[in-house]
Amino acid sequence: MTIPIRNLYYLFCYAWERFPEGGSTEVGIDDCPDLPNLFARVLVNGVHRLLRRGLDRGYLGFEEELRSPRGRLLINRTIKELTLQRGAVCCQIDELCSDVLHNQIIKSTAITLANHRQIKPSLAHDLRLIWRKMEGVSVLRLRPSLFRSVQLSRNNAQYSALMKLCELVCRAMLPDEHGSGSRFSDILGDEELMSRVFEDFLRNFYFYEQAVFTVRREDMRWRLDAGPGGDPSLVPIMRTDVVLRSPRNTIVMDAKFYSDPFPRSSGTPKIRSGHLYQLFAYMKHASDRAAGLPVRGALVYASPGDGCLHRYRVDGHEIAVAAIDLSKPWKQVHSALISLLDGLGS
């Protein structure tokens, strides 16, 4: 799928909940020739903001043998190791420092990108400056499981977007054929990964760009009566991509990122039946939280070609199937998404 760099920038900014005010782009974004350089530029700009505010710090504990006790006294170790004979005691000390996991991930990602052959020399230089300014922060081997251990709070929420960026870089970096370096995989071709990004993009786009609806993801339980021997815990919860609610109606959206949104069947393009079944199930259960209000639905695809919009009425519910052409100028993409909501919300 071919998407202009500027549109990719907006796509990830909305998905990471860090859309710049005024609809502007950061310095240097338009000069990025490809996705690795885009990620490098966003990382450089983001870390510069962090450094101006000061890196987040946390308490790290270590044990040390001291002649002047401080911290917590370790009696058992002191007795076991006979340190009193040397005029010392064992202590556990907690020190506030910047060598915490989220800083380690950022520094390691900067090093990984700087050493990548696709990165422009000027950007590689900026990335190397970053890790020099993060002196005292350890470097680690990036792996996807690391990101599950990152714990952020309201006090360091500014790290959230950078963690998502670093995770994408981690997942995109693959060993090259010779084993001497790495190559950047085509994450735009990873339909599962990009569908999650597009889902976050769509939800946050409507959160920021309109004021009529509340926008969130919702969990819904099936309306079922367990028969004899039936275990309700075996039935999975339905988790929607986007639900927009207003005092007048409810809109359920399902976001998809496919290189071919309408595969051919017997030579004719068709909507994927599984997507319709899924959306219809969400719509039938969305009314439980707003009885009496109309429920409408939309399948929203990121399209590689001309955009389109199809409208249907199924069992009393209005359904729209839209292909949003992300190759168009951003203003046209923005307009298409707003028009889709206006048509459903009327």
C-alpha atoms as a PDB file:
ATOM      1  CA  MET A   1       0.000   0.000   0.000  1.00  0.00           C
ATOM      2  CA  THR A   2       1.478   3.354  -1.051  1.00  0.00           C
ATOM      3  CA  ILE A   3       0.773   6.122   1.463  1.00  0.00           C
ATOM      4  CA  PRO A   4       2.490   9.539   1.421  1.00  0.00           C
ATOM      5  CA  ILE A   5       4.871  10.179   4.304  1.00  0.00           C
ATOM      6  CA  ARG A   6       2.781  13.123   5.542  1.00  0.00           C
ATOM      7  CA  ASN A   7      -0.314  10.895   5.769  1.00  0.00           C
ATOM      8  CA  LEU A   8       1.657   8.182   7.569  1.00  0.00           C
ATOM      9  CA  TYR A   9       2.804  10.831  10.017  1.00  0.00           C
ATOM     10  CA  TYR A  10      -0.800  11.857  10.746  1.00  0.00           C
ATOM     11  CA  LEU A  11      -1.881   8.206  10.919  1.00  0.00           C
ATOM     12  CA  PHE A  12       0.654   7.391  13.626  1.00  0.00           C
ATOM     13  CA  CYS A  13       0.203  10.693  15.462  1.00  0.00           C
ATOM     14  CA  TYR A  14      -3.524  10.088  15.904  1.00  0.00           C
ATOM     15  CA  ALA A  15      -2.932   6.416  16.772  1.00  0.00           C
ATOM     16  CA  TRP A  16      -0.411   7.435  19.449  1.00  0.00           C
ATOM     17  CA  GLU A  17      -2.610  10.242  20.813  1.00  0.00           C
ATOM     18  CA  ARG A  18      -0.051  12.946  20.159  1.00  0.00           C
ATOM     19  CA  PHE A  19      -1.561  14.829  17.224  1.00  0.00           C
ATOM     20  CA  PRO A  20       0.145  18.262  16.891  1.00  0.00           C
ATOM     21  CA  GLU A  21      -2.074  21.266  17.427  1.00  0.00           C
ATOM     22  CA  GLY A  22      -3.091  23.257  14.389  1.00  0.00           C
ATOM     23  CA  GLY A  23      -2.740  20.341  11.982  1.00  0.00           C
ATOM     24  CA  SER A  24       0.949  21.103  11.364  1.00  0.00           C
ATOM     25  CA  THR A  25       3.789  18.641  10.962  1.00  0.00           C
ATOM     26  CA  GLU A  26       7.003  18.549  12.917  1.00  0.00           C
ATOM     27  CA  VAL A  27      10.197  19.953  11.470  1.00  0.00           C
ATOM     28  CA  GLY A  28      11.851  17.578   9.008  1.00  0.00           C
ATOM     29  CA  ILE A  29       8.901  15.223   8.528  1.00  0.00           C
ATOM     30  CA  ASP A  30       8.340  16.104   4.867  1.00  0.00           C
ATOM     31  CA  ASP A  31      12.023  15.418   4.116  1.00  0.00           C
ATOM     32  CA  CYS A  32      11.742  11.769   5.191  1.00  0.00           C
ATOM     33  CA  PRO A  33      11.877   9.459   2.151  1.00  0.00           C
ATOM     34  CA  ASP A  34      10.506   6.334   3.837  1.00  0.00           C
ATOM     35  CA  LEU A  35       9.098   4.828   7.016  1.00  0.00           C
ATOM     36  CA  PRO A  36      12.427   4.125   8.817  1.00  0.00           C
ATOM     37  CA  ASN A  37      13.473   7.767   8.377  1.00  0.00           C
ATOM     38  CA  LEU A  38      10.012   8.951   9.461  1.00  0.00           C
ATOM     39  CA  PHE A  39      10.285   6.930  12.675  1.00  0.00           C
ATOM     40  CA  ALA A  40      13.821   8.233  13.213  1.00  0.00           C
ATOM     41  CA  ARG A  41      12.715  11.859  12.794  1.00  0.00           C
ATOM     42  CA  VAL A  42       9.721  11.442  15.145  1.00  0.00           C
ATOM     43  CA  LEU A  43      12.017   9.785  17.712  1.00  0.00           C
ATOM     44  CA  VAL A  44      14.592  12.600  17.473  1.00  0.00           C
ATOM     45  CA  ASN A  45      11.953  15.312  17.839  1.00  0.00           C
ATOM     46  CA  GLY A  46      10.243  13.509  20.712  1.00  0.00           C
ATOM     47  CA  VAL A  47      13.444  12.866  22.661  1.00  0.00           C
ATOM     48  CA  HIS A  48      14.524  16.488  22.256  1.00  0.00           C
ATOM     49  CA  ARG A  49      11.295  17.492  24.029  1.00  0.00           C
ATOM     50  CA  LEU A  50      11.981  14.934  26.763  1.00  0.00           C
ATOM     51  CA  LEU A  51      15.504  16.201  27.298  1.00  0.00           C
ATOM     52  CA  ARG A  52      14.288  19.783  27.627  1.00  0.00           C
ATOM     53  CA  ARG A  53      11.883  18.687  30.381  1.00  0.00           C
ATOM     54  CA  GLY A  54      14.362  16.282  31.917  1.00  0.00           C
ATOM     55  CA  LEU A  55      14.395  12.489  31.685  1.00  0.00           C
ATOM     56  CA  ASP A  56      12.073  10.588  33.958  1.00  0.00           C
ATOM     57  CA  ARG A  57      13.782   9.043  36.973  1.00  0.00           C
ATOM     58  CA  GLY A  58      12.987   6.168  39.262  1.00  0.00           C
ATOM     59  CA  TYR A  59      14.370   4.523  42.369  1.00  0.00           C
ATOM     60  CA  LEU A  60      16.803   1.667  41.761  1.00  0.00           C
ATOM     61  CA  GLY A  61      17.985  -0.492  44.645  1.00  0.00           C
ATOM     62  CA  PHE A  62      21.444  -1.963  45.124  1.00  0.00           C
ATOM     63  CA  GLU A  63      23.352  -3.551  47.986  1.00  0.00           C
ATOM     64  CA  GLU A  64      26.710  -2.319  49.236  1.00  0.00           C
ATOM     65  CA  GLU A  65      29.130  -2.873  52.095  1.00  0.00           C
ATOM     66  CA  LEU A  66      29.638   0.451  53.904  1.00  0.00           C
ATOM     67  CA  ARG A  67      31.569   1.778  56.905  1.00  0.00           C
ATOM     68  CA  SER A  68      28.999   4.594  57.328  1.00  0.00           C
ATOM     69  CA  PRO A  69      25.547   2.932  57.225  1.00  0.00           C
ATOM     70  CA  ARG A  70      22.788   4.414  55.098  1.00  0.00           C
ATOM     71  CA  GLY A  71      19.629   3.073  53.579  1.00  0.00           C
ATOM     72  CA  ARG A  72      18.238  -0.185  54.963  1.00  0.00           C
ATOM     73  CA  LEU A  73      20.518  -2.293  57.151  1.00  0.00           C
ATOM     74  CA  LEU A  74      20.793  -5.950  56.000  1.00  0.00           C
ATOM     75  CA  ILE A  75      21.309  -7.737  59.322  1.00  0.00           C
ATOM     76  CA  ASN A  76      21.324 -11.310  58.006  1.00  0.00           C
ATOM     77  CA  ARG A  77      23.879 -10.611  55.302  1.00  0.00           C
ATOM     78  CA  THR A  78      26.008  -8.586  57.708  1.00  0.00           C
ATOM     79  CA  ILE A  79      26.159 -11.514  60.161  1.00  0.00           C
ATOM     80  CA  LYS A  80      26.616 -14.158  57.456  1.00  0.00           C
ATOM     81  CA  GLU A  81      29.491 -12.355  55.757  1.00  0.00           C
ATOM     82  CA  LEU A  82      31.120 -11.221  59.032  1.00  0.00           C
ATOM     83  CA  THR A  83      31.438  -7.677  57.730  1.00  0.00           C
ATOM     84  CA  LEU A  84      31.536  -6.256  61.280  1.00  0.00           C
ATOM     85  CA  GLN A  85      35.026  -7.727  61.626  1.00  0.00           C
ATOM     86  CA  ARG A  86      36.026  -5.391  58.807  1.00  0.00           C
ATOM     87  CA  GLY A  87      34.279  -2.433  60.429  1.00  0.00           C
ATOM     88  CA  ALA A  88      31.447  -2.366  57.852  1.00  0.00           C
ATOM     89  CA  VAL A  89      27.793  -3.330  57.482  1.00  0.00           C
ATOM     90  CA  CYS A  90      25.699  -4.410  54.487  1.00  0.00           C
ATOM     91  CA  CYS A  91      23.077  -1.913  53.377  1.00  0.00           C
ATOM     92  CA  GLN A  92      20.412  -1.735  50.719  1.00  0.00           C
ATOM     93  CA  ILE A  93      20.281   1.699  49.112  1.00  0.00           C
ATOM     94  CA  ASP A  94      17.603   3.149  46.837  1.00  0.00           C
ATOM     95  CA  GLU A  95      18.864   5.876  44.527  1.00  0.00           C
ATOM     96  CA  LEU A  96      16.893   8.105  42.180  1.00  0.00           C
ATOM     97  CA  CYS A  97      18.350   7.851  38.678  1.00  0.00           C
ATOM     98  CA  SER A  98      17.344   7.953  35.005  1.00  0.00           C
ATOM     99  CA  ASP A  99      18.456   4.385  34.231  1.00  0.00           C
ATOM    100  CA  VAL A 100      14.875   3.088  34.059  1.00  0.00           C
ATOM    101  CA  LEU A 101      13.335   0.750  31.495  1.00  0.00           C
ATOM    102  CA  HIS A 102      11.548   3.327  29.328  1.00  0.00           C
ATOM    103  CA  ASN A 103      14.717   5.416  29.002  1.00  0.00           C
ATOM    104  CA  GLN A 104      16.731   2.282  28.221  1.00  0.00           C
ATOM    105  CA  ILE A 105      14.276   1.388  25.438  1.00  0.00           C
ATOM    106  CA  ILE A 106      14.496   4.864  23.898  1.00  0.00           C
ATOM    107  CA  LYS A 107      18.298   4.903  23.940  1.00  0.00           C
ATOM    108  CA  SER A 108      18.500   1.369  22.519  1.00  0.00           C
ATOM    109  CA  THR A 109      16.033   2.261  19.749  1.00  0.00           C
ATOM    110  CA  ALA A 110      18.076   5.359  18.854  1.00  0.00           C
ATOM    111  CA  ILE A 111      21.199   3.205  18.543  1.00  0.00           C
ATOM    112  CA  THR A 112      19.381   0.602  16.461  1.00  0.00           C
ATOM    113  CA  LEU A 113      18.045   3.194  14.015  1.00  0.00           C
ATOM    114  CA  ALA A 114      21.322   5.121  13.805  1.00  0.00           C
ATOM    115  CA  ASN A 115      23.149   1.947  12.718  1.00  0.00           C
ATOM    116  CA  HIS A 116      20.567   1.098  10.065  1.00  0.00           C
ATOM    117  CA  ARG A 117      21.729   1.531   6.489  1.00  0.00           C
ATOM    118  CA  GLN A 118      18.487   3.166   5.292  1.00  0.00           C
ATOM    119  CA  ILE A 119      18.727   6.086   7.724  1.00  0.00           C
ATOM    120  CA  LYS A 120      19.940   9.381   6.244  1.00  0.00           C
ATOM    121  CA  PRO A 121      23.389  10.442   7.520  1.00  0.00           C
ATOM    122  CA  SER A 122      22.026  13.656   9.048  1.00  0.00           C
ATOM    123  CA  LEU A 123      19.383  11.722  10.991  1.00  0.00           C
ATOM    124  CA  ALA A 124      21.905   9.092  12.062  1.00  0.00           C
ATOM    125  CA  HIS A 125      24.028  11.943  13.455  1.00  0.00           C
ATOM    126  CA  ASP A 126      21.047  13.314  15.420  1.00  0.00           C
ATOM    127  CA  LEU A 127      20.319   9.830  16.793  1.00  0.00           C
ATOM    128  CA  ARG A 128      23.901   9.422  17.971  1.00  0.00           C
ATOM    129  CA  LEU A 129      23.706  12.776  19.737  1.00  0.00           C
ATOM    130  CA  ILE A 130      20.636  11.475  21.585  1.00  0.00           C
ATOM    131  CA  TRP A 131      22.366   8.481  23.102  1.00  0.00           C
ATOM    132  CA  ARG A 132      25.356  10.614  24.105  1.00  0.00           C
ATOM    133  CA  LYS A 133      22.996  12.985  25.935  1.00  0.00           C
ATOM    134  CA  MET A 134      21.436   9.980  27.694  1.00  0.00           C
ATOM    135  CA  GLU A 135      24.662   9.197  29.517  1.00  0.00           C
ATOM    136  CA  GLY A 136      24.096   6.912  32.475  1.00  0.00           C
ATOM    137  CA  VAL A 137      21.208   5.098  30.780  1.00  0.00           C
ATOM    138  CA  SER A 138      21.958   1.452  29.986  1.00  0.00           C
ATOM    139  CA  VAL A 139      21.605  -0.114  26.545  1.00  0.00           C
ATOM    140  CA  LEU A 140      19.654  -3.346  26.191  1.00  0.00           C
ATOM    141  CA  ARG A 141      18.704  -5.779  23.471  1.00  0.00           C
ATOM    142  CA  LEU A 142      15.282  -4.829  22.155  1.00  0.00           C
ATOM    143  CA  ARG A 143      12.629  -7.526  22.101  1.00  0.00           C
ATOM    144  CA  PRO A 144       8.807  -7.294  22.021  1.00  0.00           C
ATOM    145  CA  SER A 145       8.368  -8.769  25.508  1.00  0.00           C
ATOM    146  CA  LEU A 146      10.177  -5.758  27.044  1.00  0.00           C
ATOM    147  CA  PHE A 147       7.294  -3.443  26.275  1.00  0.00           C
ATOM    148  CA  ARG A 148       4.892  -5.424  28.438  1.00  0.00           C
ATOM    149  CA  SER A 149       7.074  -4.537  31.444  1.00  0.00           C
ATOM    150  CA  VAL A 150       6.917  -0.775  30.894  1.00  0.00           C
ATOM    151  CA  GLN A 151       4.826   0.938  33.569  1.00  0.00           C
ATOM    152  CA  LEU A 152       3.800   4.528  32.928  1.00  0.00           C
ATOM    153  CA  SER A 153       1.713   6.872  35.060  1.00  0.00           C
ATOM    154  CA  ARG A 154       0.203  10.315  34.740  1.00  0.00           C
ATOM    155  CA  ASN A 155       3.547  11.786  35.785  1.00  0.00           C
ATOM    156  CA  ASN A 156       5.404  10.315  32.813  1.00  0.00           C
ATOM    157  CA  ALA A 157       2.579   9.964  30.280  1.00  0.00           C
ATOM    158  CA  GLN A 158       4.707  11.869  27.742  1.00  0.00           C
ATOM    159  CA  TYR A 159       6.577   8.589  27.198  1.00  0.00           C
ATOM    160  CA  SER A 160       3.482   6.761  25.897  1.00  0.00           C
ATOM    161  CA  ALA A 161       3.782   7.746  22.233  1.00  0.00           C
ATOM    162  CA  LEU A 162       7.527   7.126  22.194  1.00  0.00           C
ATOM    163  CA  MET A 163       7.024   3.644  23.648  1.00  0.00           C
ATOM    164  CA  LYS A 164       4.574   2.807  20.865  1.00  0.00           C
ATOM    165  CA  LEU A 165       7.039   4.137  18.304  1.00  0.00           C
ATOM    166  CA  CYS A 166       9.895   2.103  19.790  1.00  0.00           C
ATOM    167  CA  GLU A 167       7.750  -1.038  19.799  1.00  0.00           C
ATOM    168  CA  LEU A 168       6.945  -0.602  16.114  1.00  0.00           C
ATOM    169  CA  VAL A 169      10.645  -0.167  15.344  1.00  0.00           C
ATOM    170  CA  CYS A 170      11.444  -3.271  17.398  1.00  0.00           C
ATOM    171  CA  ARG A 171       8.861  -5.354  15.555  1.00  0.00           C
ATOM    172  CA  ALA A 172       9.955  -4.019  12.154  1.00  0.00           C
ATOM    173  CA  MET A 173      13.679  -4.697  12.569  1.00  0.00           C
ATOM    174  CA  LEU A 174      14.633  -8.083  11.103  1.00  0.00           C
ATOM    175  CA  PRO A 175      18.096  -9.680  10.751  1.00  0.00           C
ATOM    176  CA  ASP A 176      19.405  -9.290   7.211  1.00  0.00           C
ATOM    177  CA  GLU A 177      20.315 -12.243   5.013  1.00  0.00           C
ATOM    178  CA  HIS A 178      24.013 -12.073   5.929  1.00  0.00           C
ATOM    179  CA  GLY A 179      23.475 -11.837   9.675  1.00  0.00           C
ATOM    180  CA  SER A 180      25.647  -8.732   9.948  1.00  0.00           C
ATOM    181  CA  GLY A 181      22.919  -6.186  10.481  1.00  0.00           C
ATOM    182  CA  SER A 182      19.189  -5.657  10.245  1.00  0.00           C
ATOM    183  CA  ARG A 183      16.617  -4.678   7.678  1.00  0.00           C
ATOM    184  CA  PHE A 184      13.342  -2.839   8.102  1.00  0.00           C
ATOM    185  CA  SER A 185      10.352  -5.008   7.296  1.00  0.00           C
ATOM    186  CA  ASP A 186       7.388  -3.693   5.346  1.00  0.00           C
ATOM    187  CA  ILE A 187       5.062  -3.127   8.286  1.00  0.00           C
ATOM    188  CA  LEU A 188       2.477  -1.612   5.935  1.00  0.00           C
ATOM    189  CA  GLY A 189       2.127  -5.112   4.529  1.00  0.00           C
ATOM    190  CA  ASP A 190       1.431  -6.550   7.990  1.00  0.00           C
ATOM    191  CA  GLU A 191      -2.351  -6.365   7.880  1.00  0.00           C
ATOM    192  CA  GLU A 192      -2.841  -7.524  11.482  1.00  0.00           C
ATOM    193  CA  LEU A 193      -0.417  -4.971  12.929  1.00  0.00           C
ATOM    194  CA  MET A 194      -1.617  -2.096  10.759  1.00  0.00           C
ATOM    195  CA  SER A 195      -5.263  -2.904  11.436  1.00  0.00           C
ATOM    196  CA  ARG A 196      -4.548  -2.263  15.127  1.00  0.00           C
ATOM    197  CA  VAL A 197      -2.816   1.025  14.252  1.00  0.00           C
ATOM    198  CA  PHE A 198      -5.671   2.040  11.933  1.00  0.00           C
ATOM    199  CA  GLU A 199      -8.198   1.181  14.653  1.00  0.00           C
ATOM    200  CA  ASP A 200      -6.413   3.465  17.135  1.00  0.00           C
ATOM    201  CA  PHE A 201      -6.125   6.137  14.453  1.00  0.00           C
ATOM    202  CA  LEU A 202      -9.848   6.054  13.654  1.00  0.00           C
ATOM    203  CA  ARG A 203     -10.926   6.131  17.292  1.00  0.00           C
ATOM    204  CA  ASN A 204      -8.629   9.042  18.195  1.00  0.00           C
ATOM    205  CA  PHE A 205      -9.403  10.919  14.978  1.00  0.00           C
ATOM    206  CA  TYR A 206     -13.077  11.082  15.869  1.00  0.00           C
ATOM    207  CA  PHE A 207     -12.246  11.836  19.497  1.00  0.00           C
ATOM    208  CA  TYR A 208     -10.282  14.944  18.468  1.00  0.00           C
ATOM    209  CA  GLU A 209     -12.149  16.054  15.348  1.00  0.00           C
ATOM    210  CA  GLN A 210     -15.792  16.195  16.475  1.00  0.00           C
ATOM    211  CA  ALA A 211     -17.699  17.215  19.600  1.00  0.00           C
ATOM    212  CA  VAL A 212     -21.116  15.549  19.170  1.00  0.00           C
ATOM    213  CA  PHE A 213     -20.273  11.955  20.135  1.00  0.00           C
ATOM    214  CA  THR A 214     -18.432  10.315  22.970  1.00  0.00           C
ATOM    215  CA  VAL A 215     -15.854   7.972  21.472  1.00  0.00           C
ATOM    216  CA  ARG A 216     -14.445   4.820  23.036  1.00  0.00           C
ATOM    217  CA  ARG A 217     -13.816   1.131  22.644  1.00  0.00           C
ATOM    218  CA  GLU A 218     -16.451  -1.034  24.351  1.00  0.00           C
ATOM    219  CA  ASP A 219     -16.687  -4.595  25.611  1.00  0.00           C
ATOM    220  CA  MET A 220     -20.008  -6.328  25.030  1.00  0.00           C
ATOM    221  CA  ARG A 221     -21.328  -9.612  26.338  1.00  0.00           C
ATOM    222  CA  TRP A 222     -23.508 -11.911  24.312  1.00  0.00           C
ATOM    223  CA  ARG A 223     -27.172 -12.108  25.247  1.00  0.00           C
ATOM    224  CA  LEU A 224     -27.378 -15.794  26.087  1.00  0.00           C
ATOM    225  CA  ASP A 225     -29.048 -18.193  28.410  1.00  0.00           C
ATOM    226  CA  ALA A 226     -26.757 -21.069  29.297  1.00  0.00           C
ATOM    227  CA  GLY A 227     -28.552 -24.374  28.849  1.00  0.00           C
ATOM    228  CA  PRO A 228     -27.937 -27.486  30.923  1.00  0.00           C
ATOM    229  CA  GLY A 229     -24.193 -28.045  31.070  1.00  0.00           C
ATOM    230  CA  GLY A 230     -23.476 -24.737  29.331  1.00  0.00           C
ATOM    231  CA  ASP A 231     -20.550 -22.727  30.677  1.00  0.00           C
ATOM    232  CA  PRO A 232     -21.012 -18.971  30.024  1.00  0.00           C
ATOM    233  CA  SER A 233     -17.312 -18.337  30.721  1.00  0.00           C
ATOM    234  CA  LEU A 234     -16.431 -20.116  27.472  1.00  0.00           C
ATOM    235  CA  VAL A 235     -18.221 -17.471  25.407  1.00  0.00           C
ATOM    236  CA  PRO A 236     -15.768 -14.709  24.401  1.00  0.00           C
ATOM    237  CA  ILE A 237     -16.442 -11.034  25.026  1.00  0.00           C
ATOM    238  CA  MET A 238     -17.050  -8.872  21.968  1.00  0.00           C
ATOM    239  CA  ARG A 239     -14.570  -5.974  21.893  1.00  0.00           C
ATOM    240  CA  THR A 240     -15.475  -3.224  19.463  1.00  0.00           C
ATOM    241  CA  ASP A 241     -12.992  -1.009  17.616  1.00  0.00           C
ATOM    242  CA  VAL A 242     -14.921   2.271  17.872  1.00  0.00           C
ATOM    243  CA  VAL A 243     -18.303   3.137  19.380  1.00  0.00           C
ATOM    244  CA  LEU A 244     -19.661   6.689  19.079  1.00  0.00           C
ATOM    245  CA  ARG A 245     -22.647   7.593  21.251  1.00  0.00           C
ATOM    246  CA  SER A 246     -24.802  10.717  21.371  1.00  0.00           C
ATOM    247  CA  PRO A 247     -28.242  11.478  22.817  1.00  0.00           C
ATOM    248  CA  ARG A 248     -29.671  10.851  19.342  1.00  0.00           C
ATOM    249  CA  ASN A 249     -28.013   7.676  18.083  1.00  0.00           C
ATOM    250  CA  THR A 250     -25.169   5.163  18.351  1.00  0.00           C
ATOM    251  CA  ILE A 251     -22.589   4.369  15.683  1.00  0.00           C
ATOM    252  CA  VAL A 252     -20.447   1.223  15.741  1.00  0.00           C
ATOM    253  CA  MET A 253     -17.332   1.228  13.538  1.00  0.00           C
ATOM    254  CA  ASP A 254     -14.976  -1.597  12.632  1.00  0.00           C
ATOM    255  CA  ALA A 255     -11.572  -0.548  11.241  1.00  0.00           C
ATOM    256  CA  LYS A 256      -9.647  -2.704   8.755  1.00  0.00           C
ATOM    257  CA  PHE A 257      -6.300  -2.261   7.003  1.00  0.00           C
ATOM    258  CA  TYR A 258      -6.072  -4.457   3.909  1.00  0.00           C
ATOM    259  CA  SER A 259      -4.067  -4.171   0.706  1.00  0.00           C
ATOM    260  CA  ASP A 260      -7.230  -5.404  -1.062  1.00  0.00           C
ATOM    261  CA  PRO A 261     -10.321  -4.418   0.934  1.00  0.00           C
ATOM    262  CA  PHE A 262     -12.741  -6.093  -1.484  1.00  0.00           C
ATOM    263  CA  PRO A 263     -11.363  -9.465  -2.663  1.00  0.00           C
ATOM    264  CA  ARG A 264     -12.807 -10.918  -5.839  1.00  0.00           C
ATOM    265  CA  SER A 265     -15.198 -13.831  -5.851  1.00  0.00           C
ATOM    266  CA  SER A 266     -15.955 -15.268  -9.290  1.00  0.00           C
ATOM    267  CA  GLY A 267     -14.286 -12.188 -10.745  1.00  0.00           C
ATOM    268  CA  THR A 268     -16.469  -9.711  -8.818  1.00  0.00           C
ATOM    269  CA  PRO A 269     -15.302  -7.629  -5.803  1.00  0.00           C
ATOM    270  CA  LYS A 270     -17.087  -8.628  -2.611  1.00  0.00           C
ATOM    271  CA  ILE A 271     -17.243  -7.367   0.963  1.00  0.00           C
ATOM    272  CA  ARG A 272     -15.753  -9.936   3.329  1.00  0.00           C
ATOM    273  CA  SER A 273     -18.734 -11.735   4.853  1.00  0.00           C
ATOM    274  CA  GLY A 274     -16.955 -12.266   8.184  1.00  0.00           C
ATOM    275  CA  HIS A 275     -16.580  -8.506   8.595  1.00  0.00           C
ATOM    276  CA  LEU A 276     -20.299  -7.958   8.028  1.00  0.00           C
ATOM    277  CA  TYR A 277     -21.227 -10.709  10.500  1.00  0.00           C
ATOM    278  CA  GLN A 278     -18.917  -9.206  13.122  1.00  0.00           C
ATOM    279  CA  LEU A 279     -20.226  -5.667  12.659  1.00  0.00           C
ATOM    280  CA  PHE A 280     -23.841  -6.811  12.722  1.00  0.00           C
ATOM    281  CA  ALA A 281     -23.292  -8.702  15.995  1.00  0.00           C
ATOM    282  CA  TYR A 282     -21.769  -5.557  17.546  1.00  0.00           C
ATOM    283  CA  MET A 283     -24.712  -3.444  16.385  1.00  0.00           C
ATOM    284  CA  LYS A 284     -27.337  -5.832  17.767  1.00  0.00           C
ATOM    285  CA  HIS A 285     -25.697  -5.676  21.204  1.00  0.00           C
ATOM    286  CA  ALA A 286     -24.811  -1.957  21.177  1.00  0.00           C
ATOM    287  CA  SER A 287     -28.471  -1.093  21.719  1.00  0.00           C
ATOM    288  CA  ASP A 288     -28.359  -2.686  25.200  1.00  0.00           C
ATOM    289  CA  ARG A 289     -26.753   0.487  26.582  1.00  0.00           C
ATOM    290  CA  ALA A 290     -29.032   2.919  24.733  1.00  0.00           C
ATOM    291  CA  ALA A 291     -32.442   1.322  24.336  1.00  0.00           C
ATOM    292  CA  GLY A 292     -34.728   3.055  21.881  1.00  0.00           C
ATOM    293  CA  LEU A 293     -31.984   4.904  19.994  1.00  0.00           C
ATOM    294  CA  PRO A 294     -31.081   3.963  16.411  1.00  0.00           C
ATOM    295  CA  VAL A 295     -27.859   2.000  15.985  1.00  0.00           C
ATOM    296  CA  ARG A 296     -25.865   2.434  12.787  1.00  0.00           C
ATOM    297  CA  GLY A 297     -22.682   0.726  11.683  1.00  0.00           C
ATOM    298  CA  ALA A 298     -19.688   1.265   9.427  1.00  0.00           C
ATOM    299  CA  LEU A 299     -16.934  -0.919   8.047  1.00  0.00           C
ATOM    300  CA  VAL A 300     -14.022   1.449   7.425  1.00  0.00           C
ATOM    301  CA  TYR A 301     -11.157   0.209   5.274  1.00  0.00           C
ATOM    302  CA  ALA A 302      -7.808   1.851   4.606  1.00  0.00           C
ATOM    303  CA  SER A 303      -7.834   1.705   0.814  1.00  0.00           C
ATOM    304  CA  PRO A 304      -4.814   1.627  -1.507  1.00  0.00           C
ATOM    305  CA  GLY A 305      -6.799   3.066  -4.425  1.00  0.00           C
ATOM    306  CA  ASP A 306      -9.877   5.132  -5.093  1.00  0.00           C
ATOM    307  CA  GLY A 307     -12.063   5.633  -2.060  1.00  0.00           C
ATOM    308  CA  CYS A 308     -15.693   4.596  -2.097  1.00  0.00           C
ATOM    309  CA  LEU A 309     -18.761   4.604   0.103  1.00  0.00           C
ATOM    310  CA  HIS A 310     -21.617   2.087  -0.057  1.00  0.00           C
ATOM    311  CA  ARG A 311     -24.775   2.278   2.053  1.00  0.00           C
ATOM    312  CA  TYR A 312     -27.124  -0.557   2.957  1.00  0.00           C
ATOM    313  CA  ARG A 313     -30.057  -1.200   5.270  1.00  0.00           C
ATOM    314  CA  VAL A 314     -29.938  -4.567   7.032  1.00  0.00           C
ATOM    315  CA  ASP A 315     -32.682  -5.707   9.417  1.00  0.00           C
ATOM    316  CA  GLY A 316     -33.634  -2.110  10.164  1.00  0.00           C
ATOM    317  CA  HIS A 317     -30.052  -0.897  10.678  1.00  0.00           C
ATOM    318  CA  GLU A 318     -28.152   1.456   8.400  1.00  0.00           C
ATOM    319  CA  ILE A 319     -24.694   0.180   7.459  1.00  0.00           C
ATOM    320  CA  ALA A 320     -21.979   2.034   5.544  1.00  0.00           C
ATOM    321  CA  VAL A 321     -18.967   0.363   3.946  1.00  0.00           C
ATOM    322  CA  ALA A 322     -16.270   2.944   3.266  1.00  0.00           C
ATOM    323  CA  ALA A 323     -12.830   2.656   1.700  1.00  0.00           C
ATOM    324  CA  ILE A 324     -10.749   5.675   2.738  1.00  0.00           C
ATOM    325  CA  ASP A 325      -8.019   6.376   0.185  1.00  0.00           C
ATOM    326  CA  LEU A 326      -4.962   7.210   2.294  1.00  0.00           C
ATOM    327  CA  SER A 327      -2.945   8.029  -0.840  1.00  0.00           C
ATOM    328  CA  LYS A 328      -4.916  11.248  -1.320  1.00  0.00           C
ATOM    329  CA  PRO A 329      -3.768  14.594   0.142  1.00  0.00           C
ATOM    330  CA  TRP A 330      -4.426  14.733   3.881  1.00  0.00           C
ATOM    331  CA  LYS A 331      -7.178  17.346   3.588  1.00  0.00           C
ATOM    332  CA  GLN A 332      -9.157  14.973   1.349  1.00  0.00           C
ATOM    333  CA  VAL A 333      -8.632  12.078   3.772  1.00  0.00           C
ATOM    334  CA  HIS A 334      -9.794  14.293   6.639  1.00  0.00           C
ATOM    335  CA  SER A 335     -12.838  15.406   4.666  1.00  0.00           C
ATOM    336  CA  ALA A 336     -13.778  11.827   3.733  1.00  0.00           C
ATOM    337  CA  LEU A 337     -13.729  10.711   7.371  1.00  0.00           C
ATOM    338  CA  ILE A 338     -15.798  13.687   8.535  1.00  0.00           C
ATOM    339  CA  SER A 339     -18.306  13.157   5.696  1.00  0.00           C
ATOM    340  CA  LEU A 340     -18.668   9.489   6.672  1.00  0.00           C
ATOM    341  CA  LEU A 341     -19.552  10.454  10.255  1.00  0.00           C
ATOM    342  CA  ASP A 342     -21.904  13.234   9.149  1.00  0.00           C
ATOM    343  CA  GLY A 343     -23.789  10.780   6.938  1.00  0.00           C
ATOM    344  CA  LEU A 344     -24.195   8.273   9.768  1.00  0.00           C
ATOM    345  CA  GLY A 345     -24.964  10.818  12.460  1.00  0.00           C
ATOM    346  CA  SER A 346     -27.744  12.624  10.619  1.00  0.00           C
END
